[in-house]
């Protein structure tokens, strides 16, 4: 199934504690329908000292959020996505707001 966001897209968070935050998609986890967005849902983990990291400390890391809670950002606002097929058979994502092309899904068939 085609996803409305891909790695590298600029998205806006539409629901949750970080609502309204704009960030870049760092990773997409298709099996869980989740995405990791830069600067969103940051959690702190306490790390014990090890031989590689003798001081230990705090590790701040972005955690996944559900893919339905993000939308591609077009001109600073959230937009829905339409999938269109070109004449050569390639499939592209098009933003409903403004009609801007967001990128190809796959190349031409054959």
C-alpha atoms as a PDB file:
ATOM      1  CA  UNK A   1       0.000   0.000   0.000  1.00  0.00           C
ATOM      2  CA  UNK A   2       1.320   3.446  -0.886  1.00  0.00           C
ATOM      3  CA  UNK A   3       2.126   5.754   2.015  1.00  0.00           C
ATOM      4  CA  UNK A   4       1.375   9.463   2.002  1.00  0.00           C
ATOM      5  CA  UNK A   5       4.778  10.307   3.536  1.00  0.00           C
ATOM      6  CA  UNK A   6       8.296   9.097   2.752  1.00  0.00           C
ATOM      7  CA  UNK A   7      11.733   9.441   4.299  1.00  0.00           C
ATOM      8  CA  UNK A   8      13.038  12.979   3.788  1.00  0.00           C
ATOM      9  CA  UNK A   9       9.591  14.624   3.522  1.00  0.00           C
ATOM     10  CA  UNK A  10       8.840  17.750   5.528  1.00  0.00           C
ATOM     11  CA  UNK A  11       5.739  17.036   7.591  1.00  0.00           C
ATOM     12  CA  UNK A  12       3.580  18.764  10.169  1.00  0.00           C
ATOM     13  CA  UNK A  13       2.269  16.888  13.220  1.00  0.00           C
ATOM     14  CA  UNK A  14      -1.542  17.094  13.269  1.00  0.00           C
ATOM     15  CA  UNK A  15      -2.313  15.329  16.575  1.00  0.00           C
ATOM     16  CA  UNK A  16      -0.692  14.602  19.914  1.00  0.00           C
ATOM     17  CA  UNK A  17       1.552  16.515  22.307  1.00  0.00           C
ATOM     18  CA  UNK A  18       3.745  17.876  19.503  1.00  0.00           C
ATOM     19  CA  UNK A  19       0.832  19.128  17.410  1.00  0.00           C
ATOM     20  CA  UNK A  20       1.804  21.882  14.984  1.00  0.00           C
ATOM     21  CA  UNK A  21       5.522  21.031  14.948  1.00  0.00           C
ATOM     22  CA  UNK A  22       7.171  20.831  11.520  1.00  0.00           C
ATOM     23  CA  UNK A  23      10.019  18.354  11.013  1.00  0.00           C
ATOM     24  CA  UNK A  24      11.679  15.985   8.571  1.00  0.00           C
ATOM     25  CA  UNK A  25      10.806  12.287   8.391  1.00  0.00           C
ATOM     26  CA  UNK A  26      13.922  10.375   9.472  1.00  0.00           C
ATOM     27  CA  UNK A  27      12.522   6.860   9.172  1.00  0.00           C
ATOM     28  CA  UNK A  28       9.324   5.067   8.124  1.00  0.00           C
ATOM     29  CA  UNK A  29       8.346   1.817   9.852  1.00  0.00           C
ATOM     30  CA  UNK A  30       5.752   0.282   7.492  1.00  0.00           C
ATOM     31  CA  UNK A  31       4.931  -2.851   9.518  1.00  0.00           C
ATOM     32  CA  UNK A  32       3.829  -0.727  12.488  1.00  0.00           C
ATOM     33  CA  UNK A  33       2.436   2.225  10.445  1.00  0.00           C
ATOM     34  CA  UNK A  34       4.785   4.579  12.280  1.00  0.00           C
ATOM     35  CA  UNK A  35       7.257   7.332  11.391  1.00  0.00           C
ATOM     36  CA  UNK A  36      10.148   8.975  13.229  1.00  0.00           C
ATOM     37  CA  UNK A  37      10.140  12.759  12.824  1.00  0.00           C
ATOM     38  CA  UNK A  38      13.104  14.968  13.712  1.00  0.00           C
ATOM     39  CA  UNK A  39      12.490  16.833  16.990  1.00  0.00           C
ATOM     40  CA  UNK A  40       9.107  15.188  17.668  1.00  0.00           C
ATOM     41  CA  UNK A  41       8.240  12.810  20.543  1.00  0.00           C
ATOM     42  CA  UNK A  42      11.721  13.131  22.075  1.00  0.00           C
ATOM     43  CA  UNK A  43      12.289  10.805  25.031  1.00  0.00           C
ATOM     44  CA  UNK A  44      15.169  10.728  27.518  1.00  0.00           C
ATOM     45  CA  UNK A  45      16.866   7.438  28.377  1.00  0.00           C
ATOM     46  CA  UNK A  46      19.276   7.091  31.293  1.00  0.00           C
ATOM     47  CA  UNK A  47      22.353   5.158  30.142  1.00  0.00           C
ATOM     48  CA  UNK A  48      24.558   3.272  32.595  1.00  0.00           C
ATOM     49  CA  UNK A  49      28.327   3.671  32.267  1.00  0.00           C
ATOM     50  CA  UNK A  50      29.960   1.067  30.014  1.00  0.00           C
ATOM     51  CA  UNK A  51      33.486   0.523  28.676  1.00  0.00           C
ATOM     52  CA  UNK A  52      32.570   2.297  25.440  1.00  0.00           C
ATOM     53  CA  UNK A  53      30.842   5.148  27.312  1.00  0.00           C
ATOM     54  CA  UNK A  54      32.499   5.384  30.768  1.00  0.00           C
ATOM     55  CA  UNK A  55      30.534   8.469  31.819  1.00  0.00           C
ATOM     56  CA  UNK A  56      27.085   7.123  30.977  1.00  0.00           C
ATOM     57  CA  UNK A  57      24.527   9.947  30.971  1.00  0.00           C
ATOM     58  CA  UNK A  58      21.292  10.866  29.267  1.00  0.00           C
ATOM     59  CA  UNK A  59      20.386   9.846  25.725  1.00  0.00           C
ATOM     60  CA  UNK A  60      17.736  12.016  24.034  1.00  0.00           C
ATOM     61  CA  UNK A  61      16.096  10.209  21.124  1.00  0.00           C
ATOM     62  CA  UNK A  62      13.096  10.675  18.828  1.00  0.00           C
ATOM     63  CA  UNK A  63      10.537   7.906  19.188  1.00  0.00           C
ATOM     64  CA  UNK A  64       8.029   6.768  16.514  1.00  0.00           C
ATOM     65  CA  UNK A  65       4.557   8.271  16.176  1.00  0.00           C
ATOM     66  CA  UNK A  66       1.636   6.931  14.173  1.00  0.00           C
ATOM     67  CA  UNK A  67       1.680   7.780  10.469  1.00  0.00           C
ATOM     68  CA  UNK A  68      -1.900   9.082  10.620  1.00  0.00           C
ATOM     69  CA  UNK A  69      -0.773  11.894  12.932  1.00  0.00           C
ATOM     70  CA  UNK A  70       1.433  13.561  10.305  1.00  0.00           C
ATOM     71  CA  UNK A  71       0.699  15.292   6.998  1.00  0.00           C
ATOM     72  CA  UNK A  72       3.047  16.697   4.371  1.00  0.00           C
ATOM     73  CA  UNK A  73       3.694  20.410   4.911  1.00  0.00           C
ATOM     74  CA  UNK A  74       3.013  22.599   1.870  1.00  0.00           C
ATOM     75  CA  UNK A  75       3.689  26.324   2.377  1.00  0.00           C
ATOM     76  CA  UNK A  76       3.760  25.777   6.161  1.00  0.00           C
ATOM     77  CA  UNK A  77       0.324  24.129   6.288  1.00  0.00           C
ATOM     78  CA  UNK A  78      -0.807  20.509   6.360  1.00  0.00           C
ATOM     79  CA  UNK A  79      -2.032  18.996   3.101  1.00  0.00           C
ATOM     80  CA  UNK A  80      -3.708  15.785   2.126  1.00  0.00           C
ATOM     81  CA  UNK A  81      -2.157  13.667  -0.611  1.00  0.00           C
ATOM     82  CA  UNK A  82      -3.609  12.480  -3.898  1.00  0.00           C
ATOM     83  CA  UNK A  83      -1.983   9.697  -5.938  1.00  0.00           C
ATOM     84  CA  UNK A  84      -1.941  10.238  -9.699  1.00  0.00           C
ATOM     85  CA  UNK A  85      -0.674   8.002 -12.497  1.00  0.00           C
ATOM     86  CA  UNK A  86       1.197   9.598 -15.386  1.00  0.00           C
ATOM     87  CA  UNK A  87       0.998   8.540 -19.034  1.00  0.00           C
ATOM     88  CA  UNK A  88       4.304   6.629 -18.766  1.00  0.00           C
ATOM     89  CA  UNK A  89       2.893   4.497 -15.930  1.00  0.00           C
ATOM     90  CA  UNK A  90       4.736   6.096 -13.024  1.00  0.00           C
ATOM     91  CA  UNK A  91       2.774   6.988  -9.923  1.00  0.00           C
ATOM     92  CA  UNK A  92       3.286  10.360  -8.205  1.00  0.00           C
ATOM     93  CA  UNK A  93       2.119  11.953  -4.968  1.00  0.00           C
ATOM     94  CA  UNK A  94       0.387  15.311  -5.426  1.00  0.00           C
ATOM     95  CA  UNK A  95      -0.534  17.678  -2.585  1.00  0.00           C
ATOM     96  CA  UNK A  96      -4.218  18.584  -2.578  1.00  0.00           C
ATOM     97  CA  UNK A  97      -3.299  22.070  -1.294  1.00  0.00           C
ATOM     98  CA  UNK A  98      -1.731  23.853  -4.250  1.00  0.00           C
ATOM     99  CA  UNK A  99      -1.296  20.793  -6.485  1.00  0.00           C
ATOM    100  CA  UNK A 100       2.458  20.595  -5.824  1.00  0.00           C
ATOM    101  CA  UNK A 101       4.107  17.300  -6.806  1.00  0.00           C
ATOM    102  CA  UNK A 102       5.668  15.568  -3.787  1.00  0.00           C
ATOM    103  CA  UNK A 103       7.661  12.886  -5.591  1.00  0.00           C
ATOM    104  CA  UNK A 104       7.396   9.684  -7.573  1.00  0.00           C
ATOM    105  CA  UNK A 105       6.364   6.411  -5.940  1.00  0.00           C
ATOM    106  CA  UNK A 106       7.877   4.089  -8.546  1.00  0.00           C
ATOM    107  CA  UNK A 107       9.286   4.214 -12.054  1.00  0.00           C
ATOM    108  CA  UNK A 108       7.515   3.279 -15.268  1.00  0.00           C
ATOM    109  CA  UNK A 109       6.436  -0.312 -15.717  1.00  0.00           C
ATOM    110  CA  UNK A 110       8.027  -2.653 -18.176  1.00  0.00           C
END
